[in-house]
């Protein structure tokens, strides 16, 4: 299972909402709010093994599972891995 699938599965379990596509706007649809975003960041650190780049923590990067997984990929490429 790739990171995008893990993120989607986590969010569906956490929010009890079905995400219809990787381009569905999670914020506008009410799936992702500030509390679930914090839980998602914790999941990314503990399960996907990377630390956030604080400069990228904008709502635009959390719009869709696609933008979230792209952001995580960038963090991993830049060496933001957890020890």
C-alpha atoms as a PDB file:
ATOM      1  CA  UNK A   1       0.000   0.000   0.000  1.00  0.00           C
ATOM      2  CA  UNK A   2       1.449   3.386  -0.973  1.00  0.00           C
ATOM      3  CA  UNK A   3       1.382   6.571   1.122  1.00  0.00           C
ATOM      4  CA  UNK A   4      -1.621   8.003  -0.755  1.00  0.00           C
ATOM      5  CA  UNK A   5      -3.681   4.895   0.038  1.00  0.00           C
ATOM      6  CA  UNK A   6      -2.558   4.951   3.676  1.00  0.00           C
ATOM      7  CA  UNK A   7      -3.560   8.619   3.987  1.00  0.00           C
ATOM      8  CA  UNK A   8      -6.954   7.953   2.385  1.00  0.00           C
ATOM      9  CA  UNK A   9      -7.609   4.939   4.616  1.00  0.00           C
ATOM     10  CA  UNK A  10      -6.587   6.856   7.738  1.00  0.00           C
ATOM     11  CA  UNK A  11      -8.843   9.790   6.904  1.00  0.00           C
ATOM     12  CA  UNK A  12     -11.815   7.582   6.084  1.00  0.00           C
ATOM     13  CA  UNK A  13     -11.436   5.690   9.351  1.00  0.00           C
ATOM     14  CA  UNK A  14     -10.806   8.839  11.394  1.00  0.00           C
ATOM     15  CA  UNK A  15     -13.633  10.925   9.931  1.00  0.00           C
ATOM     16  CA  UNK A  16     -16.153   8.167   9.098  1.00  0.00           C
ATOM     17  CA  UNK A  17     -16.509   9.652   5.587  1.00  0.00           C
ATOM     18  CA  UNK A  18     -15.903   7.962   2.263  1.00  0.00           C
ATOM     19  CA  UNK A  19     -13.460   9.843   0.061  1.00  0.00           C
ATOM     20  CA  UNK A  20     -14.733   9.469  -3.480  1.00  0.00           C
ATOM     21  CA  UNK A  21     -11.547  10.411  -5.345  1.00  0.00           C
ATOM     22  CA  UNK A  22      -8.018  11.652  -4.714  1.00  0.00           C
ATOM     23  CA  UNK A  23      -9.140  15.047  -6.039  1.00  0.00           C
ATOM     24  CA  UNK A  24     -12.129  15.482  -3.710  1.00  0.00           C
ATOM     25  CA  UNK A  25     -11.717  18.685  -1.722  1.00  0.00           C
ATOM     26  CA  UNK A  26     -11.473  17.474   1.863  1.00  0.00           C
ATOM     27  CA  UNK A  27     -11.813  20.876   3.491  1.00  0.00           C
ATOM     28  CA  UNK A  28     -14.755  22.152   1.427  1.00  0.00           C
ATOM     29  CA  UNK A  29     -16.608  18.848   1.872  1.00  0.00           C
ATOM     30  CA  UNK A  30     -16.138  18.998   5.655  1.00  0.00           C
ATOM     31  CA  UNK A  31     -14.093  15.799   5.834  1.00  0.00           C
ATOM     32  CA  UNK A  32     -10.965  17.523   7.114  1.00  0.00           C
ATOM     33  CA  UNK A  33     -11.085  20.096   9.903  1.00  0.00           C
ATOM     34  CA  UNK A  34      -8.379  21.514  12.154  1.00  0.00           C
ATOM     35  CA  UNK A  35      -8.678  18.699  14.699  1.00  0.00           C
ATOM     36  CA  UNK A  36      -8.493  15.909  12.110  1.00  0.00           C
ATOM     37  CA  UNK A  37      -5.594  17.764  10.451  1.00  0.00           C
ATOM     38  CA  UNK A  38      -3.603  17.527  13.691  1.00  0.00           C
ATOM     39  CA  UNK A  39      -4.372  13.818  13.917  1.00  0.00           C
ATOM     40  CA  UNK A  40      -3.331  13.420  10.282  1.00  0.00           C
ATOM     41  CA  UNK A  41       0.007  15.137  10.935  1.00  0.00           C
ATOM     42  CA  UNK A  42       0.618  12.774  13.849  1.00  0.00           C
ATOM     43  CA  UNK A  43      -0.214   9.818  11.580  1.00  0.00           C
ATOM     44  CA  UNK A  44       2.187  11.103   8.926  1.00  0.00           C
ATOM     45  CA  UNK A  45       4.995  11.353  11.464  1.00  0.00           C
ATOM     46  CA  UNK A  46       4.403   8.027  13.197  1.00  0.00           C
ATOM     47  CA  UNK A  47       3.196   5.818  10.350  1.00  0.00           C
ATOM     48  CA  UNK A  48       4.800   7.356   7.267  1.00  0.00           C
ATOM     49  CA  UNK A  49       8.051   8.271   8.989  1.00  0.00           C
ATOM     50  CA  UNK A  50       8.487  11.903   8.073  1.00  0.00           C
ATOM     51  CA  UNK A  51       8.404  15.266   9.857  1.00  0.00           C
ATOM     52  CA  UNK A  52       6.421  18.173   8.433  1.00  0.00           C
ATOM     53  CA  UNK A  53       8.039  21.111   6.739  1.00  0.00           C
ATOM     54  CA  UNK A  54       6.352  23.935   8.639  1.00  0.00           C
ATOM     55  CA  UNK A  55       6.406  26.233   5.603  1.00  0.00           C
ATOM     56  CA  UNK A  56       4.120  23.827   3.745  1.00  0.00           C
ATOM     57  CA  UNK A  57       1.444  23.597   6.417  1.00  0.00           C
ATOM     58  CA  UNK A  58      -1.120  25.605   4.498  1.00  0.00           C
ATOM     59  CA  UNK A  59      -4.731  24.690   3.832  1.00  0.00           C
ATOM     60  CA  UNK A  60      -3.983  24.461   0.109  1.00  0.00           C
ATOM     61  CA  UNK A  61      -1.654  21.494   0.757  1.00  0.00           C
ATOM     62  CA  UNK A  62      -4.456  19.715   2.620  1.00  0.00           C
ATOM     63  CA  UNK A  63      -7.193  20.202  -0.004  1.00  0.00           C
ATOM     64  CA  UNK A  64      -7.126  16.651  -1.372  1.00  0.00           C
ATOM     65  CA  UNK A  65      -5.505  13.314  -0.635  1.00  0.00           C
ATOM     66  CA  UNK A  66      -3.464  13.969  -3.780  1.00  0.00           C
ATOM     67  CA  UNK A  67      -2.016  17.252  -2.458  1.00  0.00           C
ATOM     68  CA  UNK A  68      -1.367  15.678   0.954  1.00  0.00           C
ATOM     69  CA  UNK A  69       0.510  12.710  -0.513  1.00  0.00           C
ATOM     70  CA  UNK A  70       2.487  15.042  -2.809  1.00  0.00           C
ATOM     71  CA  UNK A  71       3.475  17.094   0.228  1.00  0.00           C
ATOM     72  CA  UNK A  72       4.541  13.975   2.157  1.00  0.00           C
ATOM     73  CA  UNK A  73       6.601  12.847  -0.834  1.00  0.00           C
ATOM     74  CA  UNK A  74       8.407  16.208  -0.888  1.00  0.00           C
ATOM     75  CA  UNK A  75       9.128  15.941   2.842  1.00  0.00           C
ATOM     76  CA  UNK A  76      10.633  12.516   2.374  1.00  0.00           C
ATOM     77  CA  UNK A  77      12.705  13.663  -0.600  1.00  0.00           C
ATOM     78  CA  UNK A  78      14.120  16.529   1.455  1.00  0.00           C
ATOM     79  CA  UNK A  79      15.165  14.241   4.282  1.00  0.00           C
ATOM     80  CA  UNK A  80      12.493  15.121   6.836  1.00  0.00           C
ATOM     81  CA  UNK A  81      12.444  11.506   8.005  1.00  0.00           C
ATOM     82  CA  UNK A  82      11.821  10.534  11.607  1.00  0.00           C
ATOM     83  CA  UNK A  83      14.496   8.551  13.405  1.00  0.00           C
END
